[in-house]
Amino acid sequence: MANSAAQRVRLLLISGSTRPGSSNTATLSALAEVAPQGVSARLYGGLTELPAFVPGDAPAPPAVAALREELAAADAVLFCAPEYAGLLPGSLKNLLEWTVGTADLYEKPVAWITVAPPGRGDGAAASLRTVLGYVGAQVIESACARITLPGNAVGADGRIDDEEIRARLGAIVTAITDFLAA
C-alpha cells in the first residue's frame, strides 16, 4: 500500500498479555506515544472478551465481529507477546485462531515484539511466525524485535520513559511506515 503524506497510517496494536500492569501492554502504549504525526496507533482492548474459538461458529460472536472490524480498518498490525511455557499465551493464540480460515490477516502487514528476559522469547516469536504464515499475513521482518526491559522500566504509572527503549520503539514504527510506503 503506498501512502501519501496526507494519508494517515492506521496501526492496530495487540498485546498478548491479559495481566493488569503488563510490560507488553506498557511497551505498546509507549510505542503509541512515540508514533509520529500521521500514524494512528490504537491499542486493541478486547482480548479478554473473545470467547474460546469454535470452528465454524456462525455468525461470529460480537467480540469476534468487533475484532474483525478493527483488523479490517488497520493498515498494519503489531503484536506484542510474552512467552508462556515456551509459546504464545493461550489468549493470543485464541485471537489468532479466530482469523484462521478468514481473510482477516491475509496479506495484512504484521510485525511483533517479544518482551522477554535474555534467552527467552524465541518460542513466542516462532509461534507467531508459524500462525501468521499460515493465515497468509505479510511479515515486516525489519519491524520484528525482541526487547528486554529492565525490572524498573515500567514505572508505577504504567509508563516506559527510558529513552533508549522509546527510540527502539520509534524505529519499529518507522520500519512499518517505510514498508507501507514502499
Foldseek 3Di string as FASTA:
>chain_A
DADDQPAAAEEEEEELDPDVLDPQVQLLVLLCVLQDPRYHYHYDDCLVVADADDPPDPPHPPSLVVVLVSLVPHQEYEYEAEADPLEGPPSVVRNLVSLPPHLSQAQREYEYEYEDAPPGDPRHVVNCVVSSVNSHHHYLVQLHYYHYAPPCQQDPVSHGDPPVSSVNSNSSSVSVNVVNND
